[in-house]
Each structure stands twice: as C-alpha cells, then as structure tokens.
Amino acid sequence: MERQPAPIDAVVFDIGNVLLAWDPRYLYRGLFDDEAAMERFLGEICTLEWHRDHDRGIPLATSCAALAARHPEHAELIWAWSRRGEEMIAGQIAGSVEILGELRRAGVRCYALTNMEAETYPVRRERWEFLGWFDGTIVSGREGVIKPEPAIFELLLRRFQLTAERTLMIDDSAANIAAAARLGMRTHHFHGAHELRADLVRAGLLRA
C-alpha cells in the first residue's frame, strides 16, 4: 500500500512577491527617463547580488555609502535604494493575504520566512497589518543567514518546533523551494494566488 503523506499542520509564507509585490523597478522607473539605462544601472550597480548583503544583515547605510564612494556619478540613485526603499513595494498581493487570513481563521499555524533587511522589517510590520498575523517570523537580516541556505530553514524548524514533512513552504523562488524540499519540507512554488488556493484545497487546509 502506498504511504500517504503526513497531514500539513503549519504553513510558511515568503513575503516578497508572495504577500507583497516587491521590485526595485517600482522605484527606479520614476528616477530614470530611459528604461534601458535603468536596467543597466540595476544590472551593473545596484544589483540583486549586492542587495543580498542587506538580507544578510549589512546595514543599508553602510552598503550604500561604500557603493556610492565607488560610483560617485550614481550616488543619488544608490542612496535612493536606502532612503526610498518602501517605494519598491507596489502593494500587497490581495489574493495571497486573503488566503493567509482564511488559514488563520481555520486554525492553521502560519509563519513567515523572509529574506529582508533587519532595519526594513519593522517599517513594513508597522505599515502592513497582516505581517502581524503570523505565529512567528524569521527575518534573514536579523539572523545573518539567507534563503536558500539550509541553515535558515533548519532555524525555522527548530525555533518553532515544526516537523519538516508536516510543514508547507510557499515561496516564489525555485532555489528556495528546492532547498526546503531537500530538508523534507512540503513546498508550493508560488505563481499566483489562484494556484496556491487550489493546492491548499487539495491538501485539506481550505474549503473549496
């Protein structure tokens, strides 16, 4: 007889591009007249690789000062990353936030695991009410480790006493999903709220 998977009793949400629509282009399109110039800047100066240091806990002010010193001709644009970071958020992803609320009302334990700057999280926690709905949250910038490194998933499971095979990780990054799966976690690669809802209904966590 085929072994049935264990029931899911905890759901973990990524925040960026699962619950909040985040992209530096939301800010920088207002600072560039030319789309190609903006893409060069984001591809060569304020890159996502550079940004990962912020997610590891390097203060934004420290990082931006160092980068602006190397590229003084772009100093104002570099400092915008730190000073106007909230403009990188277009808003909440309504369908996903609704699902989070439904899971909570159904009594499902919900957690957040996010790559985010330590100093940015309190600002967003104050700005977006639903970030206070979780039973627990791990912010990479506070821990000094980021997804998809296994250590941050292990920290999540240990800190909140979760069982990997009974925990569902929702994330928009294929690398993060693969890392969680290697530790035995159940996963959902997020492409939209409609697909997420269908998956949760199949898992018995939400009503059809």
N, C-alpha and C. Protein backbone atom coordinates (compact mmCIF):
# COMPACT_ATOMS: atom_id res chain seq x y z
N MET A 1 0.86 -1.20 0.00
CA MET A 1 0.00 0.00 0.00
C MET A 1 0.89 1.25 0.00
N GLU A 2 0.54 2.20 -0.86
CA GLU A 2 1.32 3.44 -0.94
C GLU A 2 1.14 4.26 0.32
N ARG A 3 2.25 4.73 0.86
CA ARG A 3 2.20 5.52 2.08
C ARG A 3 1.65 6.91 1.78
N GLN A 4 0.64 7.30 2.53
CA GLN A 4 0.04 8.63 2.36
C GLN A 4 0.91 9.68 3.05
N PRO A 5 1.02 10.86 2.43
CA PRO A 5 1.82 11.91 3.07
C PRO A 5 1.20 12.36 4.38
N ALA A 6 2.04 12.79 5.30
CA ALA A 6 1.55 13.28 6.59
C ALA A 6 0.71 14.54 6.36
N PRO A 7 -0.31 14.75 7.18
CA PRO A 7 -1.09 15.98 7.04
C PRO A 7 -0.24 17.20 7.36
N ILE A 8 -0.57 18.30 6.71
CA ILE A 8 0.15 19.56 6.94
C ILE A 8 -0.47 20.26 8.14
N ASP A 9 0.36 20.65 9.09
CA ASP A 9 -0.19 21.37 10.24
C ASP A 9 0.47 22.75 10.44
N ALA A 10 1.34 23.16 9.51
CA ALA A 10 1.92 24.51 9.57
C ALA A 10 2.23 24.97 8.15
N VAL A 11 1.97 26.24 7.88
CA VAL A 11 2.22 26.83 6.56
C VAL A 11 3.16 28.02 6.74
N VAL A 12 4.21 28.05 5.93
CA VAL A 12 5.22 29.10 6.00
C VAL A 12 5.17 29.92 4.71
N PHE A 13 5.02 31.23 4.86
CA PHE A 13 4.94 32.15 3.72
C PHE A 13 6.25 32.92 3.55
N ASP A 14 6.75 32.97 2.33
CA ASP A 14 7.69 34.01 1.95
C ASP A 14 6.88 35.32 1.92
N ILE A 15 7.55 36.46 2.02
CA ILE A 15 6.82 37.73 2.00
C ILE A 15 6.95 38.41 0.63
N GLY A 16 8.17 38.66 0.18
CA GLY A 16 8.36 39.37 -1.08
C GLY A 16 7.87 38.57 -2.28
N ASN A 17 6.93 39.15 -3.01
CA ASN A 17 6.34 38.57 -4.22
C ASN A 17 5.51 37.32 -3.96
N VAL A 18 5.15 37.13 -2.69
CA VAL A 18 4.10 36.18 -2.32
C VAL A 18 2.98 36.95 -1.63
N LEU A 19 3.35 37.83 -0.70
CA LEU A 19 2.37 38.64 0.01
C LEU A 19 2.49 40.13 -0.32
N LEU A 20 3.71 40.59 -0.63
CA LEU A 20 3.94 41.97 -1.03
C LEU A 20 4.63 41.98 -2.40
N ALA A 21 4.12 42.79 -3.31
CA ALA A 21 4.73 42.90 -4.64
C ALA A 21 5.94 43.82 -4.55
N TRP A 22 7.15 43.22 -4.66
CA TRP A 22 8.41 43.97 -4.50
C TRP A 22 9.25 43.88 -5.76
N ASP A 23 9.76 45.04 -6.19
CA ASP A 23 10.69 45.09 -7.33
C ASP A 23 11.34 46.46 -7.30
N PRO A 24 12.68 46.54 -7.36
CA PRO A 24 13.32 47.86 -7.40
C PRO A 24 12.83 48.73 -8.54
N ARG A 25 12.34 48.13 -9.59
CA ARG A 25 11.87 48.91 -10.74
C ARG A 25 10.67 49.78 -10.38
N TYR A 26 9.89 49.41 -9.39
CA TYR A 26 8.77 50.27 -8.99
C TYR A 26 9.29 51.63 -8.54
N LEU A 27 10.45 51.67 -7.93
CA LEU A 27 11.09 52.93 -7.54
C LEU A 27 11.83 53.56 -8.70
N TYR A 28 12.69 52.79 -9.34
CA TYR A 28 13.64 53.38 -10.28
C TYR A 28 13.02 53.80 -11.60
N ARG A 29 11.87 53.29 -11.95
CA ARG A 29 11.21 53.80 -13.16
C ARG A 29 10.85 55.27 -13.01
N GLY A 30 10.67 55.73 -11.78
CA GLY A 30 10.40 57.14 -11.55
C GLY A 30 11.65 58.00 -11.50
N LEU A 31 12.82 57.36 -11.50
CA LEU A 31 14.08 58.09 -11.41
C LEU A 31 14.86 58.09 -12.72
N PHE A 32 14.42 57.27 -13.67
CA PHE A 32 15.07 57.19 -14.98
C PHE A 32 14.08 57.57 -16.07
N ASP A 33 14.56 58.30 -17.07
CA ASP A 33 13.74 58.60 -18.24
C ASP A 33 13.83 57.50 -19.27
N ASP A 34 14.87 56.67 -19.16
CA ASP A 34 15.15 55.66 -20.17
C ASP A 34 15.18 54.28 -19.51
N GLU A 35 14.32 53.37 -19.99
CA GLU A 35 14.21 52.03 -19.42
C GLU A 35 15.52 51.26 -19.53
N ALA A 36 16.20 51.39 -20.66
CA ALA A 36 17.45 50.66 -20.86
C ALA A 36 18.52 51.14 -19.89
N ALA A 37 18.57 52.43 -19.65
CA ALA A 37 19.54 52.97 -18.68
C ALA A 37 19.25 52.46 -17.28
N MET A 38 17.98 52.38 -16.93
CA MET A 38 17.60 51.84 -15.63
C MET A 38 18.06 50.39 -15.50
N GLU A 39 17.83 49.60 -16.54
CA GLU A 39 18.22 48.19 -16.49
C GLU A 39 19.74 48.03 -16.38
N ARG A 40 20.49 48.89 -17.03
CA ARG A 40 21.95 48.85 -16.90
C ARG A 40 22.36 49.16 -15.47
N PHE A 41 21.73 50.16 -14.88
CA PHE A 41 22.03 50.53 -13.50
C PHE A 41 21.75 49.37 -12.55
N LEU A 42 20.60 48.73 -12.71
CA LEU A 42 20.23 47.62 -11.83
C LEU A 42 21.03 46.36 -12.13
N GLY A 43 21.52 46.25 -13.34
CA GLY A 43 22.32 45.08 -13.70
C GLY A 43 23.80 45.22 -13.38
N GLU A 44 24.26 46.48 -13.22
CA GLU A 44 25.70 46.71 -13.04
C GLU A 44 26.06 47.42 -11.74
N ILE A 45 25.15 48.20 -11.17
CA ILE A 45 25.47 48.99 -9.97
C ILE A 45 24.70 48.44 -8.76
N CYS A 46 23.45 48.76 -8.66
CA CYS A 46 22.62 48.25 -7.56
C CYS A 46 22.02 46.91 -7.98
N THR A 47 22.85 45.89 -7.93
CA THR A 47 22.45 44.57 -8.40
C THR A 47 21.79 43.77 -7.28
N LEU A 48 21.09 42.71 -7.66
CA LEU A 48 20.49 41.84 -6.65
C LEU A 48 21.57 41.12 -5.86
N GLU A 49 22.72 40.85 -6.47
CA GLU A 49 23.83 40.24 -5.74
C GLU A 49 24.32 41.18 -4.64
N TRP A 50 24.45 42.47 -4.96
CA TRP A 50 24.81 43.49 -3.96
C TRP A 50 23.75 43.54 -2.86
N HIS A 51 22.50 43.48 -3.25
CA HIS A 51 21.40 43.57 -2.29
C HIS A 51 21.39 42.40 -1.31
N ARG A 52 21.91 41.23 -1.69
CA ARG A 52 21.90 40.08 -0.80
C ARG A 52 22.65 40.36 0.50
N ASP A 53 23.64 41.24 0.45
CA ASP A 53 24.35 41.59 1.69
C ASP A 53 23.41 42.26 2.68
N HIS A 54 22.45 43.04 2.19
CA HIS A 54 21.47 43.65 3.08
C HIS A 54 20.63 42.57 3.75
N ASP A 55 20.23 41.57 2.97
CA ASP A 55 19.43 40.48 3.53
C ASP A 55 20.22 39.69 4.57
N ARG A 56 21.55 39.73 4.48
CA ARG A 56 22.39 39.05 5.46
C ARG A 56 22.62 39.88 6.72
N GLY A 57 22.20 41.14 6.70
CA GLY A 57 22.33 41.96 7.88
C GLY A 57 23.27 43.14 7.77
N ILE A 58 23.91 43.34 6.59
CA ILE A 58 24.74 44.53 6.41
C ILE A 58 23.82 45.75 6.36
N PRO A 59 24.05 46.77 7.21
CA PRO A 59 23.15 47.94 7.21
C PRO A 59 23.11 48.62 5.85
N LEU A 60 21.93 49.06 5.47
CA LEU A 60 21.77 49.73 4.19
C LEU A 60 22.66 50.95 4.07
N ALA A 61 22.76 51.74 5.14
CA ALA A 61 23.56 52.96 5.08
C ALA A 61 25.03 52.64 4.83
N THR A 62 25.53 51.61 5.47
CA THR A 62 26.93 51.20 5.28
C THR A 62 27.17 50.76 3.84
N SER A 63 26.26 49.94 3.33
CA SER A 63 26.40 49.40 1.98
C SER A 63 26.28 50.49 0.93
N CYS A 64 25.30 51.36 1.08
CA CYS A 64 25.10 52.42 0.08
C CYS A 64 26.25 53.42 0.09
N ALA A 65 26.79 53.73 1.27
CA ALA A 65 27.92 54.65 1.35
C ALA A 65 29.13 54.08 0.62
N ALA A 66 29.39 52.80 0.81
CA ALA A 66 30.54 52.17 0.15
C ALA A 66 30.35 52.13 -1.36
N LEU A 67 29.14 51.81 -1.81
CA LEU A 67 28.89 51.73 -3.26
C LEU A 67 28.92 53.11 -3.89
N ALA A 68 28.37 54.10 -3.18
CA ALA A 68 28.37 55.47 -3.72
C ALA A 68 29.79 56.02 -3.82
N ALA A 69 30.67 55.59 -2.90
CA ALA A 69 32.07 56.03 -2.97
C ALA A 69 32.76 55.46 -4.20
N ARG A 70 32.36 54.25 -4.61
CA ARG A 70 32.95 53.64 -5.80
C ARG A 70 32.35 54.19 -7.09
N HIS A 71 31.10 54.65 -7.01
CA HIS A 71 30.39 55.16 -8.19
C HIS A 71 29.77 56.52 -7.86
N PRO A 72 30.59 57.54 -7.63
CA PRO A 72 30.03 58.84 -7.20
C PRO A 72 29.08 59.46 -8.22
N GLU A 73 29.25 59.12 -9.48
CA GLU A 73 28.34 59.66 -10.50
C GLU A 73 26.92 59.13 -10.34
N HIS A 74 26.75 58.03 -9.58
CA HIS A 74 25.44 57.45 -9.35
C HIS A 74 25.01 57.56 -7.88
N ALA A 75 25.69 58.41 -7.12
CA ALA A 75 25.48 58.43 -5.67
C ALA A 75 24.01 58.66 -5.30
N GLU A 76 23.37 59.61 -5.94
CA GLU A 76 21.98 59.92 -5.58
C GLU A 76 21.06 58.73 -5.84
N LEU A 77 21.29 58.05 -6.96
CA LEU A 77 20.48 56.88 -7.30
C LEU A 77 20.76 55.73 -6.34
N ILE A 78 22.00 55.56 -5.94
CA ILE A 78 22.35 54.50 -4.99
C ILE A 78 21.70 54.75 -3.65
N TRP A 79 21.77 55.97 -3.16
CA TRP A 79 21.17 56.29 -1.86
C TRP A 79 19.65 56.15 -1.88
N ALA A 80 19.04 56.27 -3.05
CA ALA A 80 17.59 56.08 -3.13
C ALA A 80 17.20 54.68 -2.70
N TRP A 81 18.09 53.70 -2.92
CA TRP A 81 17.79 52.31 -2.51
C TRP A 81 17.52 52.26 -1.01
N SER A 82 18.28 53.00 -0.25
CA SER A 82 18.12 53.02 1.20
C SER A 82 17.00 53.96 1.63
N ARG A 83 17.01 55.17 1.10
CA ARG A 83 16.11 56.21 1.60
C ARG A 83 14.69 56.10 1.09
N ARG A 84 14.50 55.42 -0.06
CA ARG A 84 13.17 55.34 -0.66
C ARG A 84 12.77 53.89 -0.92
N GLY A 85 13.29 53.00 -0.08
CA GLY A 85 13.07 51.57 -0.29
C GLY A 85 11.62 51.15 -0.28
N GLU A 86 10.78 51.84 0.47
CA GLU A 86 9.38 51.45 0.52
C GLU A 86 8.67 51.69 -0.81
N GLU A 87 9.24 52.51 -1.66
CA GLU A 87 8.67 52.73 -2.99
C GLU A 87 8.93 51.56 -3.93
N MET A 88 9.70 50.58 -3.47
CA MET A 88 9.90 49.35 -4.25
C MET A 88 8.74 48.39 -4.08
N ILE A 89 7.79 48.72 -3.22
CA ILE A 89 6.62 47.87 -2.99
C ILE A 89 5.41 48.48 -3.69
N ALA A 90 4.80 47.71 -4.59
CA ALA A 90 3.62 48.20 -5.30
C ALA A 90 2.36 48.03 -4.46
N GLY A 91 2.40 47.16 -3.47
CA GLY A 91 1.23 46.91 -2.63
C GLY A 91 1.18 45.45 -2.23
N GLN A 92 0.16 45.11 -1.48
CA GLN A 92 0.01 43.72 -1.08
C GLN A 92 -0.62 42.91 -2.21
N ILE A 93 -0.32 41.62 -2.23
CA ILE A 93 -0.92 40.71 -3.20
C ILE A 93 -2.20 40.20 -2.55
N ALA A 94 -3.31 40.81 -2.94
CA ALA A 94 -4.56 40.66 -2.20
C ALA A 94 -4.99 39.20 -2.04
N GLY A 95 -4.94 38.43 -3.11
CA GLY A 95 -5.39 37.05 -3.02
C GLY A 95 -4.60 36.24 -2.02
N SER A 96 -3.31 36.48 -1.94
CA SER A 96 -2.46 35.74 -1.00
C SER A 96 -2.76 36.15 0.43
N VAL A 97 -2.95 37.44 0.65
CA VAL A 97 -3.27 37.91 2.01
C VAL A 97 -4.62 37.35 2.45
N GLU A 98 -5.55 37.26 1.53
CA GLU A 98 -6.85 36.66 1.86
C GLU A 98 -6.68 35.20 2.28
N ILE A 99 -5.82 34.48 1.57
CA ILE A 99 -5.57 33.07 1.91
C ILE A 99 -4.94 32.96 3.29
N LEU A 100 -3.98 33.83 3.59
CA LEU A 100 -3.38 33.84 4.92
C LEU A 100 -4.45 34.03 5.99
N GLY A 101 -5.35 34.97 5.77
CA GLY A 101 -6.42 35.20 6.74
C GLY A 101 -7.33 33.99 6.90
N GLU A 102 -7.64 33.33 5.80
CA GLU A 102 -8.51 32.14 5.87
C GLU A 102 -7.83 31.00 6.62
N LEU A 103 -6.54 30.83 6.39
CA LEU A 103 -5.81 29.78 7.11
C LEU A 103 -5.82 30.05 8.61
N ARG A 104 -5.60 31.29 8.98
CA ARG A 104 -5.62 31.64 10.40
C ARG A 104 -6.98 31.35 11.02
N ARG A 105 -8.04 31.74 10.31
CA ARG A 105 -9.39 31.51 10.84
C ARG A 105 -9.71 30.02 10.93
N ALA A 106 -9.05 29.22 10.08
CA ALA A 106 -9.25 27.77 10.11
C ALA A 106 -8.40 27.10 11.20
N GLY A 107 -7.60 27.89 11.90
CA GLY A 107 -6.79 27.34 12.98
C GLY A 107 -5.45 26.76 12.55
N VAL A 108 -5.03 27.05 11.30
CA VAL A 108 -3.74 26.54 10.82
C VAL A 108 -2.63 27.47 11.30
N ARG A 109 -1.58 26.90 11.85
CA ARG A 109 -0.44 27.72 12.27
C ARG A 109 0.26 28.28 11.04
N CYS A 110 0.54 29.58 11.06
CA CYS A 110 1.15 30.26 9.92
C CYS A 110 2.40 31.02 10.37
N TYR A 111 3.44 30.90 9.56
CA TYR A 111 4.72 31.53 9.85
C TYR A 111 5.22 32.27 8.62
N ALA A 112 6.19 33.16 8.81
CA ALA A 112 6.83 33.86 7.70
C ALA A 112 8.33 33.61 7.76
N LEU A 113 8.93 33.39 6.60
CA LEU A 113 10.38 33.23 6.46
C LEU A 113 10.79 34.11 5.29
N THR A 114 11.49 35.20 5.58
CA THR A 114 11.74 36.20 4.55
C THR A 114 13.20 36.62 4.48
N ASN A 115 13.69 36.79 3.27
CA ASN A 115 14.95 37.49 3.06
C ASN A 115 14.61 38.98 3.05
N MET A 116 15.03 39.68 4.10
CA MET A 116 14.70 41.10 4.22
C MET A 116 15.71 41.75 5.15
N GLU A 117 15.96 43.03 4.93
CA GLU A 117 16.88 43.78 5.77
C GLU A 117 16.33 43.88 7.20
N ALA A 118 17.24 43.84 8.16
CA ALA A 118 16.83 43.91 9.57
C ALA A 118 16.11 45.22 9.86
N GLU A 119 16.60 46.34 9.30
CA GLU A 119 16.01 47.63 9.63
C GLU A 119 14.73 47.90 8.84
N THR A 120 14.53 47.18 7.74
CA THR A 120 13.34 47.39 6.91
C THR A 120 12.13 46.68 7.50
N TYR A 121 12.33 45.51 8.08
CA TYR A 121 11.19 44.72 8.54
C TYR A 121 10.29 45.49 9.51
N PRO A 122 10.80 46.17 10.55
CA PRO A 122 9.88 46.88 11.45
C PRO A 122 9.04 47.94 10.75
N VAL A 123 9.60 48.58 9.74
CA VAL A 123 8.85 49.58 8.98
C VAL A 123 7.67 48.92 8.27
N ARG A 124 7.93 47.79 7.64
CA ARG A 124 6.86 47.09 6.92
C ARG A 124 5.88 46.44 7.88
N ARG A 125 6.38 45.99 9.02
CA ARG A 125 5.49 45.39 10.03
C ARG A 125 4.49 46.43 10.52
N GLU A 126 4.92 47.66 10.62
CA GLU A 126 4.04 48.75 11.04
C GLU A 126 3.09 49.15 9.91
N ARG A 127 3.57 49.07 8.68
CA ARG A 127 2.81 49.55 7.54
C ARG A 127 1.73 48.57 7.11
N TRP A 128 2.02 47.25 7.18
CA TRP A 128 1.12 46.24 6.66
C TRP A 128 0.60 45.39 7.81
N GLU A 129 -0.67 45.54 8.12
CA GLU A 129 -1.27 44.87 9.29
C GLU A 129 -1.09 43.36 9.24
N PHE A 130 -1.21 42.75 8.07
CA PHE A 130 -1.18 41.29 8.00
C PHE A 130 0.17 40.71 8.42
N LEU A 131 1.23 41.51 8.44
CA LEU A 131 2.52 40.98 8.89
C LEU A 131 2.51 40.67 10.39
N GLY A 132 1.48 41.12 11.08
CA GLY A 132 1.33 40.78 12.48
C GLY A 132 0.45 39.56 12.72
N TRP A 133 0.01 38.91 11.67
CA TRP A 133 -0.88 37.77 11.82
C TRP A 133 -0.15 36.45 12.07
N PHE A 134 1.15 36.43 11.88
CA PHE A 134 1.88 35.17 11.93
C PHE A 134 2.11 34.69 13.36
N ASP A 135 2.21 33.37 13.50
CA ASP A 135 2.58 32.79 14.78
C ASP A 135 4.06 32.97 15.07
N GLY A 136 4.84 33.28 14.06
CA GLY A 136 6.27 33.55 14.23
C GLY A 136 6.85 33.96 12.90
N THR A 137 7.90 34.77 12.94
CA THR A 137 8.54 35.28 11.72
C THR A 137 10.05 35.21 11.87
N ILE A 138 10.72 34.75 10.82
CA ILE A 138 12.18 34.79 10.76
C ILE A 138 12.58 35.72 9.64
N VAL A 139 13.39 36.72 9.99
CA VAL A 139 13.89 37.73 9.05
C VAL A 139 15.38 37.50 8.88
N SER A 140 15.80 37.28 7.64
CA SER A 140 17.20 36.91 7.39
C SER A 140 18.19 37.93 7.93
N GLY A 141 17.88 39.22 7.77
CA GLY A 141 18.81 40.25 8.22
C GLY A 141 19.08 40.23 9.69
N ARG A 142 18.14 39.69 10.47
CA ARG A 142 18.34 39.58 11.91
C ARG A 142 19.17 38.35 12.27
N GLU A 143 19.18 37.37 11.38
CA GLU A 143 19.82 36.09 11.68
C GLU A 143 21.19 35.94 11.04
N GLY A 144 21.49 36.76 10.00
CA GLY A 144 22.77 36.67 9.32
C GLY A 144 22.89 35.49 8.38
N VAL A 145 21.77 34.94 7.97
CA VAL A 145 21.75 33.82 7.02
C VAL A 145 20.53 34.00 6.13
N ILE A 146 20.64 33.59 4.86
CA ILE A 146 19.57 33.86 3.90
C ILE A 146 19.12 32.57 3.21
N LYS A 147 17.90 32.61 2.69
CA LYS A 147 17.47 31.57 1.76
C LYS A 147 18.28 31.73 0.47
N PRO A 148 18.69 30.66 -0.17
CA PRO A 148 18.29 29.26 0.04
C PRO A 148 19.24 28.44 0.91
N GLU A 149 20.05 29.09 1.75
CA GLU A 149 20.98 28.33 2.58
C GLU A 149 20.20 27.43 3.54
N PRO A 150 20.58 26.17 3.67
CA PRO A 150 19.82 25.24 4.53
C PRO A 150 19.69 25.72 5.97
N ALA A 151 20.67 26.45 6.45
CA ALA A 151 20.67 26.85 7.87
C ALA A 151 19.44 27.66 8.25
N ILE A 152 18.92 28.47 7.34
CA ILE A 152 17.78 29.30 7.73
C ILE A 152 16.49 28.48 7.81
N PHE A 153 16.38 27.45 6.97
CA PHE A 153 15.22 26.56 7.06
C PHE A 153 15.33 25.70 8.33
N GLU A 154 16.53 25.25 8.64
CA GLU A 154 16.73 24.48 9.87
C GLU A 154 16.41 25.33 11.09
N LEU A 155 16.78 26.61 11.05
CA LEU A 155 16.46 27.52 12.14
C LEU A 155 14.95 27.66 12.31
N LEU A 156 14.25 27.82 11.19
CA LEU A 156 12.78 27.90 11.22
C LEU A 156 12.17 26.69 11.91
N LEU A 157 12.58 25.51 11.48
CA LEU A 157 12.01 24.28 12.03
C LEU A 157 12.33 24.14 13.52
N ARG A 158 13.55 24.48 13.88
CA ARG A 158 13.98 24.33 15.28
C ARG A 158 13.30 25.37 16.18
N ARG A 159 13.30 26.61 15.76
CA ARG A 159 12.78 27.68 16.63
C ARG A 159 11.30 27.52 16.91
N PHE A 160 10.55 27.08 15.92
CA PHE A 160 9.10 26.99 16.10
C PHE A 160 8.63 25.55 16.30
N GLN A 161 9.60 24.64 16.47
CA GLN A 161 9.31 23.24 16.76
C GLN A 161 8.37 22.64 15.71
N LEU A 162 8.77 22.82 14.44
CA LEU A 162 7.99 22.32 13.32
C LEU A 162 8.60 21.01 12.82
N THR A 163 7.75 20.16 12.31
CA THR A 163 8.18 18.91 11.67
C THR A 163 8.21 19.12 10.17
N ALA A 164 9.35 18.86 9.55
CA ALA A 164 9.55 19.21 8.14
C ALA A 164 8.45 18.65 7.25
N GLU A 165 8.14 17.35 7.38
CA GLU A 165 7.18 16.73 6.47
C GLU A 165 5.74 17.16 6.73
N ARG A 166 5.51 17.89 7.81
CA ARG A 166 4.16 18.41 8.11
C ARG A 166 4.09 19.93 7.92
N THR A 167 5.14 20.50 7.31
CA THR A 167 5.24 21.95 7.13
C THR A 167 5.30 22.28 5.64
N LEU A 168 4.45 23.19 5.20
CA LEU A 168 4.40 23.62 3.80
C LEU A 168 5.09 24.96 3.64
N MET A 169 6.09 25.02 2.75
CA MET A 169 6.80 26.26 2.45
C MET A 169 6.29 26.83 1.14
N ILE A 170 5.84 28.09 1.17
CA ILE A 170 5.35 28.79 -0.01
C ILE A 170 6.37 29.87 -0.38
N ASP A 171 6.90 29.81 -1.59
CA ASP A 171 7.94 30.77 -1.99
C ASP A 171 7.90 30.94 -3.51
N ASP A 172 8.28 32.12 -3.98
CA ASP A 172 8.29 32.36 -5.43
C ASP A 172 9.62 31.98 -6.06
N SER A 173 10.63 31.63 -5.26
CA SER A 173 11.95 31.30 -5.78
C SER A 173 12.12 29.79 -5.90
N ALA A 174 12.48 29.34 -7.10
CA ALA A 174 12.70 27.91 -7.32
C ALA A 174 13.85 27.39 -6.45
N ALA A 175 14.90 28.21 -6.29
CA ALA A 175 16.04 27.79 -5.47
C ALA A 175 15.62 27.61 -4.01
N ASN A 176 14.79 28.50 -3.51
CA ASN A 176 14.33 28.39 -2.12
C ASN A 176 13.45 27.16 -1.94
N ILE A 177 12.59 26.92 -2.90
CA ILE A 177 11.71 25.75 -2.85
C ILE A 177 12.54 24.47 -2.85
N ALA A 178 13.55 24.41 -3.70
CA ALA A 178 14.39 23.22 -3.78
C ALA A 178 15.13 22.99 -2.46
N ALA A 179 15.61 24.05 -1.85
CA ALA A 179 16.32 23.92 -0.58
C ALA A 179 15.40 23.40 0.51
N ALA A 180 14.19 23.90 0.57
CA ALA A 180 13.22 23.43 1.57
C ALA A 180 12.88 21.96 1.34
N ALA A 181 12.70 21.59 0.07
CA ALA A 181 12.34 20.20 -0.25
C ALA A 181 13.45 19.23 0.14
N ARG A 182 14.70 19.67 -0.01
CA ARG A 182 15.81 18.79 0.36
C ARG A 182 15.83 18.48 1.86
N LEU A 183 15.24 19.35 2.65
CA LEU A 183 15.14 19.12 4.09
C LEU A 183 13.88 18.36 4.47
N GLY A 184 13.10 17.97 3.46
CA GLY A 184 11.91 17.17 3.72
C GLY A 184 10.64 17.97 3.87
N MET A 185 10.71 19.28 3.66
CA MET A 185 9.51 20.12 3.78
C MET A 185 8.63 19.94 2.55
N ARG A 186 7.34 20.12 2.74
CA ARG A 186 6.41 20.19 1.61
C ARG A 186 6.55 21.59 1.01
N THR A 187 6.30 21.72 -0.28
CA THR A 187 6.55 23.00 -0.92
C THR A 187 5.46 23.37 -1.92
N HIS A 188 5.31 24.67 -2.11
CA HIS A 188 4.47 25.21 -3.18
C HIS A 188 5.25 26.34 -3.82
N HIS A 189 5.58 26.17 -5.12
CA HIS A 189 6.27 27.22 -5.87
C HIS A 189 5.21 28.23 -6.32
N PHE A 190 5.25 29.42 -5.73
CA PHE A 190 4.18 30.40 -5.91
C PHE A 190 4.25 31.05 -7.28
N HIS A 191 3.12 30.98 -8.01
CA HIS A 191 2.96 31.68 -9.28
C HIS A 191 1.70 32.55 -9.27
N GLY A 192 0.94 32.48 -8.22
CA GLY A 192 -0.29 33.26 -8.14
C GLY A 192 -1.21 32.70 -7.08
N ALA A 193 -2.12 33.54 -6.60
CA ALA A 193 -3.00 33.14 -5.51
C ALA A 193 -3.98 32.04 -5.92
N HIS A 194 -4.39 32.04 -7.19
CA HIS A 194 -5.36 31.04 -7.64
C HIS A 194 -4.78 29.64 -7.51
N GLU A 195 -3.55 29.44 -7.99
CA GLU A 195 -2.91 28.13 -7.90
C GLU A 195 -2.64 27.76 -6.45
N LEU A 196 -2.24 28.73 -5.64
CA LEU A 196 -1.99 28.45 -4.23
C LEU A 196 -3.26 27.98 -3.55
N ARG A 197 -4.36 28.66 -3.80
CA ARG A 197 -5.62 28.26 -3.17
C ARG A 197 -5.99 26.82 -3.57
N ALA A 198 -5.84 26.50 -4.85
CA ALA A 198 -6.18 25.15 -5.31
C ALA A 198 -5.32 24.11 -4.61
N ASP A 199 -4.04 24.40 -4.42
CA ASP A 199 -3.13 23.46 -3.75
C ASP A 199 -3.54 23.28 -2.28
N LEU A 200 -3.92 24.36 -1.64
CA LEU A 200 -4.32 24.28 -0.23
C LEU A 200 -5.66 23.55 -0.06
N VAL A 201 -6.53 23.70 -1.04
CA VAL A 201 -7.79 22.94 -1.01
C VAL A 201 -7.49 21.46 -1.14
N ARG A 202 -6.62 21.09 -2.09
CA ARG A 202 -6.25 19.68 -2.26
C ARG A 202 -5.62 19.10 -1.00
N ALA A 203 -4.89 19.94 -0.27
CA ALA A 203 -4.24 19.49 0.96
C ALA A 203 -5.20 19.42 2.14
N GLY A 204 -6.43 19.89 1.93
CA GLY A 204 -7.41 19.86 3.01
C GLY A 204 -7.31 21.01 3.99
N LEU A 205 -6.55 22.04 3.64
CA LEU A 205 -6.36 23.16 4.56
C LEU A 205 -7.39 24.26 4.37
N LEU A 206 -7.96 24.34 3.16
CA LEU A 206 -9.01 25.31 2.86
C LEU A 206 -10.20 24.59 2.23
N ARG A 207 -11.37 25.17 2.39
CA ARG A 207 -12.56 24.63 1.74
C ARG A 207 -12.59 25.07 0.29
N ALA A 208 -13.13 24.21 -0.56
CA ALA A 208 -13.25 24.55 -1.99
C ALA A 208 -14.21 25.70 -2.17
